[in-house]
Amino acid sequence: EANLPTCSLDTLKIAYATSAAHLEDIVFRVQKGLDGEG
């Protein structure tokens, strides 16, 4: 993780297009390892 670029929520919505709506859900994000606001 120290060597990976960091991704904004907008970037992740493009990467995970079918889950874009779920990514707005803080609970869903935390379940998938996306704690905090990014």
PDB file of all heavy atoms in Angstrom:
ATOM      1  N   GLU A   1       0.813  -1.215   0.000  1.00  0.00           N
ATOM      2  CA  GLU A   1       0.000   0.000   0.000  1.00  0.00           C
ATOM      3  C   GLU A   1       0.847   1.267   0.000  1.00  0.00           C
ATOM      4  O   GLU A   1       0.424   2.297  -0.534  1.00  0.00           O
ATOM      5  CB  GLU A   1      -0.960  -0.001   1.183  1.00  0.00           C
ATOM      6  CG  GLU A   1      -2.093  -0.998   1.027  1.00  0.00           C
ATOM      7  CD  GLU A   1      -3.270  -0.671   1.931  1.00  0.00           C
ATOM      8  OE1 GLU A   1      -3.109   0.139   2.868  1.00  0.00           O
ATOM      9  OE2 GLU A   1      -4.354  -1.231   1.683  1.00  0.00           O
ATOM     10  N   ALA A   2       2.024   1.193   0.588  1.00  0.00           N
ATOM     11  CA  ALA A   2       2.887   2.369   0.615  1.00  0.00           C
ATOM     12  C   ALA A   2       3.372   2.744  -0.783  1.00  0.00           C
ATOM     13  O   ALA A   2       3.799   3.877  -1.013  1.00  0.00           O
ATOM     14  CB  ALA A   2       4.082   2.121   1.534  1.00  0.00           C
ATOM     15  N   ASN A   3       3.297   1.792  -1.726  1.00  0.00           N
ATOM     16  CA  ASN A   3       3.811   2.021  -3.074  1.00  0.00           C
ATOM     17  C   ASN A   3       2.720   2.086  -4.138  1.00  0.00           C
ATOM     18  O   ASN A   3       3.031   2.191  -5.330  1.00  0.00           O
ATOM     19  CB  ASN A   3       4.807   0.915  -3.430  1.00  0.00           C
ATOM     20  CG  ASN A   3       6.014   0.906  -2.523  1.00  0.00           C
ATOM     21  OD1 ASN A   3       6.460   1.957  -2.068  1.00  0.00           O
ATOM     22  ND2 ASN A   3       6.539  -0.271  -2.222  1.00  0.00           N
ATOM     23  N   LEU A   4       1.455   2.026  -3.731  1.00  0.00           N
ATOM     24  CA  LEU A   4       0.357   2.127  -4.686  1.00  0.00           C
ATOM     25  C   LEU A   4      -0.130   3.568  -4.774  1.00  0.00           C
ATOM     26  O   LEU A   4      -0.186   4.272  -3.760  1.00  0.00           O
ATOM     27  CB  LEU A   4      -0.817   1.245  -4.253  1.00  0.00           C
ATOM     28  CG  LEU A   4      -0.688  -0.264  -4.461  1.00  0.00           C
ATOM     29  CD1 LEU A   4      -1.875  -0.972  -3.811  1.00  0.00           C
ATOM     30  CD2 LEU A   4      -0.625  -0.610  -5.952  1.00  0.00           C
ATOM     31  N   PRO A   5      -0.508   4.040  -5.972  1.00  0.00           N
ATOM     32  CA  PRO A   5      -1.158   5.351  -6.057  1.00  0.00           C
ATOM     33  C   PRO A   5      -2.454   5.339  -5.261  1.00  0.00           C
ATOM     34  O   PRO A   5      -3.092   4.300  -5.118  1.00  0.00           O
ATOM     35  CB  PRO A   5      -1.448   5.504  -7.563  1.00  0.00           C
ATOM     36  CG  PRO A   5      -0.540   4.534  -8.244  1.00  0.00           C
ATOM     37  CD  PRO A   5      -0.365   3.388  -7.288  1.00  0.00           C
ATOM     38  N   THR A   6      -2.839   6.478  -4.739  1.00  0.00           N
ATOM     39  CA  THR A   6      -4.108   6.551  -4.028  1.00  0.00           C
ATOM     40  C   THR A   6      -5.212   6.961  -5.000  1.00  0.00           C
ATOM     41  O   THR A   6      -4.990   7.743  -5.929  1.00  0.00           O
ATOM     42  CB  THR A   6      -4.037   7.545  -2.863  1.00  0.00           C
ATOM     43  OG1 THR A   6      -3.605   8.816  -3.336  1.00  0.00           O
ATOM     44  CG2 THR A   6      -3.089   7.026  -1.794  1.00  0.00           C
ATOM     45  N   CYS A   7      -6.407   6.406  -4.767  1.00  0.00           N
ATOM     46  CA  CYS A   7      -7.533   6.603  -5.673  1.00  0.00           C
ATOM     47  C   CYS A   7      -8.657   7.342  -4.963  1.00  0.00           C
ATOM     48  O   CYS A   7      -9.047   6.981  -3.855  1.00  0.00           O
ATOM     49  CB  CYS A   7      -8.071   5.249  -6.152  1.00  0.00           C
ATOM     50  SG  CYS A   7      -6.840   4.236  -6.978  1.00  0.00           S
ATOM     51  N   SER A   8      -9.206   8.330  -5.626  1.00  0.00           N
ATOM     52  CA  SER A   8     -10.345   9.060  -5.101  1.00  0.00           C
ATOM     53  C   SER A   8     -11.613   8.238  -5.297  1.00  0.00           C
ATOM     54  O   SER A   8     -11.639   7.253  -6.045  1.00  0.00           O
ATOM     55  CB  SER A   8     -10.491  10.398  -5.825  1.00  0.00           C
ATOM     56  OG  SER A   8     -10.855  10.171  -7.184  1.00  0.00           O
ATOM     57  N   LEU A   9     -12.682   8.657  -4.647  1.00  0.00           N
ATOM     58  CA  LEU A   9     -13.964   7.986  -4.810  1.00  0.00           C
ATOM     59  C   LEU A   9     -14.434   8.069  -6.255  1.00  0.00           C
ATOM     60  O   LEU A   9     -14.972   7.093  -6.795  1.00  0.00           O
ATOM     61  CB  LEU A   9     -15.006   8.611  -3.873  1.00  0.00           C
ATOM     62  CG  LEU A   9     -16.391   7.962  -3.865  1.00  0.00           C
ATOM     63  CD1 LEU A   9     -16.313   6.489  -3.474  1.00  0.00           C
ATOM     64  CD2 LEU A   9     -17.318   8.720  -2.910  1.00  0.00           C
ATOM     65  N   ASP A  10     -14.212   9.193  -6.922  1.00  0.00           N
ATOM     66  CA  ASP A  10     -14.626   9.331  -8.316  1.00  0.00           C
ATOM     67  C   ASP A  10     -13.898   8.330  -9.213  1.00  0.00           C
ATOM     68  O   ASP A  10     -14.491   7.761 -10.133  1.00  0.00           O
ATOM     69  CB  ASP A  10     -14.348  10.757  -8.814  1.00  0.00           C
ATOM     70  CG  ASP A  10     -15.342  11.770  -8.249  1.00  0.00           C
ATOM     71  OD1 ASP A  10     -16.417  11.342  -7.764  1.00  0.00           O
ATOM     72  OD2 ASP A  10     -15.041  12.978  -8.289  1.00  0.00           O
ATOM     73  N   THR A  11     -12.619   8.109  -8.949  1.00  0.00           N
ATOM     74  CA  THR A  11     -11.871   7.126  -9.719  1.00  0.00           C
ATOM     75  C   THR A  11     -12.423   5.732  -9.495  1.00  0.00           C
ATOM     76  O   THR A  11     -12.597   4.953 -10.444  1.00  0.00           O
ATOM     77  CB  THR A  11     -10.377   7.159  -9.334  1.00  0.00           C
ATOM     78  OG1 THR A  11      -9.845   8.450  -9.620  1.00  0.00           O
ATOM     79  CG2 THR A  11      -9.578   6.111 -10.094  1.00  0.00           C
ATOM     80  N   LEU A  12     -12.720   5.398  -8.255  1.00  0.00           N
ATOM     81  CA  LEU A  12     -13.241   4.069  -7.949  1.00  0.00           C
ATOM     82  C   LEU A  12     -14.610   3.845  -8.571  1.00  0.00           C
ATOM     83  O   LEU A  12     -14.949   2.720  -8.946  1.00  0.00           O
ATOM     84  CB  LEU A  12     -13.307   3.867  -6.434  1.00  0.00           C
ATOM     85  CG  LEU A  12     -11.950   3.766  -5.733  1.00  0.00           C
ATOM     86  CD1 LEU A  12     -12.145   3.658  -4.227  1.00  0.00           C
ATOM     87  CD2 LEU A  12     -11.151   2.577  -6.250  1.00  0.00           C
ATOM     88  N   LYS A  13     -15.395   4.887  -8.721  1.00  0.00           N
ATOM     89  CA  LYS A  13     -16.704   4.739  -9.355  1.00  0.00           C
ATOM     90  C   LYS A  13     -16.564   4.381 -10.835  1.00  0.00           C
ATOM     91  O   LYS A  13     -17.436   3.735 -11.417  1.00  0.00           O
ATOM     92  CB  LYS A  13     -17.518   6.021  -9.209  1.00  0.00           C
ATOM     93  CG  LYS A  13     -18.049   6.245  -7.804  1.00  0.00           C
ATOM     94  CD  LYS A  13     -18.828   7.550  -7.737  1.00  0.00           C
ATOM     95  CE  LYS A  13     -19.350   7.819  -6.352  1.00  0.00           C
ATOM     96  NZ  LYS A  13     -20.066   9.120  -6.279  1.00  0.00           N
ATOM     97  N   ILE A  14     -15.472   4.796 -11.461  1.00  0.00           N
ATOM     98  CA  ILE A  14     -15.215   4.402 -12.841  1.00  0.00           C
ATOM     99  C   ILE A  14     -14.700   2.970 -12.880  1.00  0.00           C
ATOM    100  O   ILE A  14     -15.115   2.149 -13.711  1.00  0.00           O
ATOM    101  CB  ILE A  14     -14.210   5.359 -13.506  1.00  0.00           C
ATOM    102  CG1 ILE A  14     -14.769   6.787 -13.533  1.00  0.00           C
ATOM    103  CG2 ILE A  14     -13.871   4.896 -14.922  1.00  0.00           C
ATOM    104  CD1 ILE A  14     -13.794   7.818 -14.039  1.00  0.00           C
ATOM    105  N   ALA A  15     -13.805   2.653 -11.950  1.00  0.00           N
ATOM    106  CA  ALA A  15     -13.253   1.294 -11.904  1.00  0.00           C
ATOM    107  C   ALA A  15     -14.319   0.261 -11.579  1.00  0.00           C
ATOM    108  O   ALA A  15     -14.343  -0.836 -12.146  1.00  0.00           O
ATOM    109  CB  ALA A  15     -12.120   1.228 -10.876  1.00  0.00           C
ATOM    110  N   TYR A  16     -15.193   0.598 -10.651  1.00  0.00           N
ATOM    111  CA  TYR A  16     -16.249  -0.322 -10.213  1.00  0.00           C
ATOM    112  C   TYR A  16     -17.601   0.254 -10.633  1.00  0.00           C
ATOM    113  O   TYR A  16     -18.455   0.567  -9.805  1.00  0.00           O
ATOM    114  CB  TYR A  16     -16.179  -0.517  -8.702  1.00  0.00           C
ATOM    115  CG  TYR A  16     -14.859  -1.062  -8.232  1.00  0.00           C
ATOM    116  CD1 TYR A  16     -13.889  -0.221  -7.691  1.00  0.00           C
ATOM    117  CD2 TYR A  16     -14.561  -2.415  -8.359  1.00  0.00           C
ATOM    118  CE1 TYR A  16     -12.665  -0.713  -7.274  1.00  0.00           C
ATOM    119  CE2 TYR A  16     -13.336  -2.911  -7.939  1.00  0.00           C
ATOM    120  CZ  TYR A  16     -12.394  -2.066  -7.407  1.00  0.00           C
ATOM    121  OH  TYR A  16     -11.176  -2.553  -7.002  1.00  0.00           O
ATOM    122  N   ALA A  17     -17.779   0.400 -11.939  1.00  0.00           N
ATOM    123  CA  ALA A  17     -18.953   1.090 -12.470  1.00  0.00           C
ATOM    124  C   ALA A  17     -20.262   0.450 -12.017  1.00  0.00           C
ATOM    125  O   ALA A  17     -21.231   1.145 -11.719  1.00  0.00           O
ATOM    126  CB  ALA A  17     -18.891   1.141 -13.995  1.00  0.00           C
ATOM    127  N   THR A  18     -20.305  -0.878 -11.954  1.00  0.00           N
ATOM    128  CA  THR A  18     -21.554  -1.550 -11.575  1.00  0.00           C
ATOM    129  C   THR A  18     -21.862  -1.383 -10.090  1.00  0.00           C
ATOM    130  O   THR A  18     -22.984  -1.655  -9.663  1.00  0.00           O
ATOM    131  CB  THR A  18     -21.498  -3.049 -11.924  1.00  0.00           C
ATOM    132  OG1 THR A  18     -20.389  -3.654 -11.241  1.00  0.00           O
ATOM    133  CG2 THR A  18     -21.339  -3.245 -13.435  1.00  0.00           C
ATOM    134  N   SER A  19     -20.863  -0.968  -9.317  1.00  0.00           N
ATOM    135  CA  SER A  19     -21.069  -0.766  -7.875  1.00  0.00           C
ATOM    136  C   SER A  19     -20.997   0.706  -7.491  1.00  0.00           C
ATOM    137  O   SER A  19     -20.865   1.032  -6.314  1.00  0.00           O
ATOM    138  CB  SER A  19     -20.008  -1.552  -7.080  1.00  0.00           C
ATOM    139  OG  SER A  19     -20.112  -2.937  -7.316  1.00  0.00           O
ATOM    140  N   ALA A  20     -21.103   1.598  -8.472  1.00  0.00           N
ATOM    141  CA  ALA A  20     -20.929   3.027  -8.206  1.00  0.00           C
ATOM    142  C   ALA A  20     -21.904   3.529  -7.148  1.00  0.00           C
ATOM    143  O   ALA A  20     -21.536   4.301  -6.259  1.00  0.00           O
ATOM    144  CB  ALA A  20     -21.076   3.823  -9.503  1.00  0.00           C
ATOM    145  N   ALA A  21     -23.160   3.080  -7.242  1.00  0.00           N
ATOM    146  CA  ALA A  21     -24.153   3.527  -6.254  1.00  0.00           C
ATOM    147  C   ALA A  21     -23.813   3.013  -4.862  1.00  0.00           C
ATOM    148  O   ALA A  21     -23.946   3.734  -3.868  1.00  0.00           O
ATOM    149  CB  ALA A  21     -25.547   3.053  -6.665  1.00  0.00           C
ATOM    150  N   HIS A  22     -23.340   1.758  -4.781  1.00  0.00           N
ATOM    151  CA  HIS A  22     -22.969   1.185  -3.483  1.00  0.00           C
ATOM    152  C   HIS A  22     -21.809   1.950  -2.856  1.00  0.00           C
ATOM    153  O   HIS A  22     -21.718   2.064  -1.631  1.00  0.00           O
ATOM    154  CB  HIS A  22     -22.588  -0.280  -3.640  1.00  0.00           C
ATOM    155  CG  HIS A  22     -23.733  -1.175  -3.995  1.00  0.00           C
ATOM    156  ND1 HIS A  22     -24.888  -1.234  -3.249  1.00  0.00           N
ATOM    157  CD2 HIS A  22     -23.901  -2.039  -5.015  1.00  0.00           C
ATOM    158  CE1 HIS A  22     -25.719  -2.096  -3.791  1.00  0.00           C
ATOM    159  NE2 HIS A  22     -25.152  -2.595  -4.873  1.00  0.00           N
ATOM    160  N   LEU A  23     -20.918   2.465  -3.697  1.00  0.00           N
ATOM    161  CA  LEU A  23     -19.750   3.171  -3.178  1.00  0.00           C
ATOM    162  C   LEU A  23     -20.119   4.472  -2.472  1.00  0.00           C
ATOM    163  O   LEU A  23     -19.313   5.027  -1.733  1.00  0.00           O
ATOM    164  CB  LEU A  23     -18.753   3.441  -4.311  1.00  0.00           C
ATOM    165  CG  LEU A  23     -17.963   2.218  -4.793  1.00  0.00           C
ATOM    166  CD1 LEU A  23     -17.236   2.528  -6.095  1.00  0.00           C
ATOM    167  CD2 LEU A  23     -16.972   1.753  -3.730  1.00  0.00           C
ATOM    168  N   GLU A  24     -21.339   4.953  -2.691  1.00  0.00           N
ATOM    169  CA  GLU A  24     -21.810   6.121  -1.950  1.00  0.00           C
ATOM    170  C   GLU A  24     -22.159   5.760  -0.508  1.00  0.00           C
ATOM    171  O   GLU A  24     -22.265   6.638   0.355  1.00  0.00           O
ATOM    172  CB  GLU A  24     -23.046   6.714  -2.634  1.00  0.00           C
ATOM    173  CG  GLU A  24     -22.773   7.323  -3.999  1.00  0.00           C
ATOM    174  CD  GLU A  24     -22.052   8.660  -3.896  1.00  0.00           C
ATOM    175  OE1 GLU A  24     -21.815   9.137  -2.768  1.00  0.00           O
ATOM    176  OE2 GLU A  24     -21.722   9.227  -4.954  1.00  0.00           O
ATOM    177  N   ASP A  25     -22.337   4.476  -0.255  1.00  0.00           N
ATOM    178  CA  ASP A  25     -22.745   3.975   1.065  1.00  0.00           C
ATOM    179  C   ASP A  25     -21.499   3.755   1.926  1.00  0.00           C
ATOM    180  O   ASP A  25     -20.658   2.914   1.611  1.00  0.00           O
ATOM    181  CB  ASP A  25     -23.513   2.667   0.882  1.00  0.00           C
ATOM    182  CG  ASP A  25     -24.038   2.093   2.185  1.00  0.00           C
ATOM    183  OD1 ASP A  25     -23.639   2.584   3.267  1.00  0.00           O
ATOM    184  OD2 ASP A  25     -24.807   1.131   2.133  1.00  0.00           O
ATOM    185  N   ILE A  26     -21.383   4.506   3.003  1.00  0.00           N
ATOM    186  CA  ILE A  26     -20.210   4.411   3.869  1.00  0.00           C
ATOM    187  C   ILE A  26     -20.057   3.004   4.434  1.00  0.00           C
ATOM    188  O   ILE A  26     -18.942   2.473   4.526  1.00  0.00           O
ATOM    189  CB  ILE A  26     -20.288   5.444   5.015  1.00  0.00           C
ATOM    190  CG1 ILE A  26     -20.206   6.861   4.446  1.00  0.00           C
ATOM    191  CG2 ILE A  26     -19.182   5.209   6.037  1.00  0.00           C
ATOM    192  CD1 ILE A  26     -20.385   7.952   5.478  1.00  0.00           C
ATOM    193  N   VAL A  27     -21.162   2.362   4.811  1.00  0.00           N
ATOM    194  CA  VAL A  27     -21.106   1.009   5.369  1.00  0.00           C
ATOM    195  C   VAL A  27     -20.523   0.035   4.342  1.00  0.00           C
ATOM    196  O   VAL A  27     -19.654  -0.786   4.665  1.00  0.00           O
ATOM    197  CB  VAL A  27     -22.499   0.538   5.827  1.00  0.00           C
ATOM    198  CG1 VAL A  27     -22.455  -0.927   6.263  1.00  0.00           C
ATOM    199  CG2 VAL A  27     -23.003   1.410   6.965  1.00  0.00           C
ATOM    200  N   PHE A  28     -20.975   0.129   3.095  1.00  0.00           N
ATOM    201  CA  PHE A  28     -20.456  -0.727   2.024  1.00  0.00           C
ATOM    202  C   PHE A  28     -18.965  -0.492   1.840  1.00  0.00           C
ATOM    203  O   PHE A  28     -18.185  -1.442   1.725  1.00  0.00           O
ATOM    204  CB  PHE A  28     -21.206  -0.454   0.720  1.00  0.00           C
ATOM    205  CG  PHE A  28     -20.677  -1.212  -0.468  1.00  0.00           C
ATOM    206  CD1 PHE A  28     -21.089  -2.512  -0.718  1.00  0.00           C
ATOM    207  CD2 PHE A  28     -19.767  -0.617  -1.332  1.00  0.00           C
ATOM    208  CE1 PHE A  28     -20.599  -3.212  -1.811  1.00  0.00           C
ATOM    209  CE2 PHE A  28     -19.270  -1.305  -2.435  1.00  0.00           C
ATOM    210  CZ  PHE A  28     -19.686  -2.615  -2.679  1.00  0.00           C
ATOM    211  N   ARG A  29     -18.566   0.782   1.806  1.00  0.00           N
ATOM    212  CA  ARG A  29     -17.144   1.080   1.605  1.00  0.00           C
ATOM    213  C   ARG A  29     -16.295   0.468   2.714  1.00  0.00           C
ATOM    214  O   ARG A  29     -15.243  -0.128   2.445  1.00  0.00           O
ATOM    215  CB  ARG A  29     -16.925   2.593   1.537  1.00  0.00           C
ATOM    216  CG  ARG A  29     -17.523   3.251   0.314  1.00  0.00           C
ATOM    217  CD  ARG A  29     -16.818   4.552  -0.034  1.00  0.00           C
ATOM    218  NE  ARG A  29     -16.813   5.527   1.050  1.00  0.00           N
ATOM    219  CZ  ARG A  29     -17.673   6.521   1.182  1.00  0.00           C
ATOM    220  NH1 ARG A  29     -18.668   6.654   0.303  1.00  0.00           N
ATOM    221  NH2 ARG A  29     -17.569   7.385   2.178  1.00  0.00           N
ATOM    222  N   VAL A  30     -16.734   0.608   3.943  1.00  0.00           N
ATOM    223  CA  VAL A  30     -15.968   0.055   5.069  1.00  0.00           C
ATOM    224  C   VAL A  30     -15.875  -1.462   4.941  1.00  0.00           C
ATOM    225  O   VAL A  30     -14.814  -2.058   5.187  1.00  0.00           O
ATOM    226  CB  VAL A  30     -16.601   0.459   6.409  1.00  0.00           C
ATOM    227  CG1 VAL A  30     -15.952  -0.300   7.567  1.00  0.00           C
ATOM    228  CG2 VAL A  30     -16.453   1.960   6.633  1.00  0.00           C
ATOM    229  N   GLN A  31     -16.969  -2.114   4.561  1.00  0.00           N
ATOM    230  CA  GLN A  31     -16.950  -3.568   4.384  1.00  0.00           C
ATOM    231  C   GLN A  31     -15.919  -3.989   3.346  1.00  0.00           C
ATOM    232  O   GLN A  31     -15.339  -5.075   3.438  1.00  0.00           O
ATOM    233  CB  GLN A  31     -18.340  -4.063   3.963  1.00  0.00           C
ATOM    234  CG  GLN A  31     -19.384  -4.010   5.060  1.00  0.00           C
ATOM    235  CD  GLN A  31     -20.758  -4.356   4.554  1.00  0.00           C
ATOM    236  OE1 GLN A  31     -21.021  -4.364   3.340  1.00  0.00           O
ATOM    237  NE2 GLN A  31     -21.668  -4.666   5.474  1.00  0.00           N
ATOM    238  N   LYS A  32     -15.687  -3.137   2.347  1.00  0.00           N
ATOM    239  CA  LYS A  32     -14.748  -3.459   1.276  1.00  0.00           C
ATOM    240  C   LYS A  32     -13.360  -2.877   1.527  1.00  0.00           C
ATOM    241  O   LYS A  32     -12.501  -2.900   0.649  1.00  0.00           O
ATOM    242  CB  LYS A  32     -15.291  -2.966  -0.070  1.00  0.00           C
ATOM    243  CG  LYS A  32     -16.629  -3.577  -0.452  1.00  0.00           C
ATOM    244  CD  LYS A  32     -16.603  -5.101  -0.391  1.00  0.00           C
ATOM    245  CE  LYS A  32     -17.958  -5.718  -0.643  1.00  0.00           C
ATOM    246  NZ  LYS A  32     -17.971  -7.186  -0.427  1.00  0.00           N
ATOM    247  N   GLY A  33     -13.152  -2.363   2.743  1.00  0.00           N
ATOM    248  CA  GLY A  33     -11.813  -1.907   3.118  1.00  0.00           C
ATOM    249  C   GLY A  33     -11.536  -0.444   2.848  1.00  0.00           C
ATOM    250  O   GLY A  33     -10.387  -0.003   2.966  1.00  0.00           O
ATOM    251  N   LEU A  34     -12.571   0.316   2.483  1.00  0.00           N
ATOM    252  CA  LEU A  34     -12.395   1.732   2.170  1.00  0.00           C
ATOM    253  C   LEU A  34     -12.874   2.578   3.340  1.00  0.00           C
ATOM    254  O   LEU A  34     -13.936   3.183   3.301  1.00  0.00           O
ATOM    255  CB  LEU A  34     -13.166   2.076   0.891  1.00  0.00           C
ATOM    256  CG  LEU A  34     -12.828   1.227  -0.338  1.00  0.00           C
ATOM    257  CD1 LEU A  34     -13.773   1.546  -1.492  1.00  0.00           C
ATOM    258  CD2 LEU A  34     -11.373   1.439  -0.758  1.00  0.00           C
ATOM    259  N   ASP A  35     -12.076   2.633   4.385  1.00  0.00           N
ATOM    260  CA  ASP A  35     -12.440   3.405   5.557  1.00  0.00           C
ATOM    261  C   ASP A  35     -12.151   4.880   5.324  1.00  0.00           C
ATOM    262  O   ASP A  35     -11.297   5.251   4.522  1.00  0.00           O
ATOM    263  CB  ASP A  35     -11.659   2.902   6.777  1.00  0.00           C
ATOM    264  CG  ASP A  35     -10.165   2.912   6.529  1.00  0.00           C
ATOM    265  OD1 ASP A  35      -9.729   2.254   5.557  1.00  0.00           O
ATOM    266  OD2 ASP A  35      -9.429   3.589   7.267  1.00  0.00           O
ATOM    267  N   GLY A  36     -12.878   5.723   6.016  1.00  0.00           N
ATOM    268  CA  GLY A  36     -12.659   7.154   5.890  1.00  0.00           C
ATOM    269  C   GLY A  36     -13.170   7.701   4.566  1.00  0.00           C
ATOM    270  O   GLY A  36     -13.957   7.077   3.862  1.00  0.00           O
ATOM    271  N   GLU A  37     -12.700   8.899   4.222  1.00  0.00           N
ATOM    272  CA  GLU A  37     -13.174   9.585   3.019  1.00  0.00           C
ATOM    273  C   GLU A  37     -12.234   9.420   1.826  1.00  0.00           C
ATOM    274  O   GLU A  37     -12.494   9.941   0.748  1.00  0.00           O
ATOM    275  CB  GLU A  37     -13.363  11.078   3.324  1.00  0.00           C
ATOM    276  CG  GLU A  37     -14.440  11.353   4.358  1.00  0.00           C
ATOM    277  CD  GLU A  37     -15.806  10.844   3.919  1.00  0.00           C
ATOM    278  OE1 GLU A  37     -16.160  11.015   2.737  1.00  0.00           O
ATOM    279  OE2 GLU A  37     -16.521  10.274   4.771  1.00  0.00           O
ATOM    280  N   GLY A  38     -11.112   8.716   2.014  1.00  0.00           N
ATOM    281  CA  GLY A  38     -10.179   8.546   0.918  1.00  0.00           C
ATOM    282  C   GLY A  38      -9.295   9.772   0.748  1.00  0.00           C
ATOM    283  O   GLY A  38      -9.419  10.743   1.483  1.00  0.00           O
TER     284      GLY A  38
END
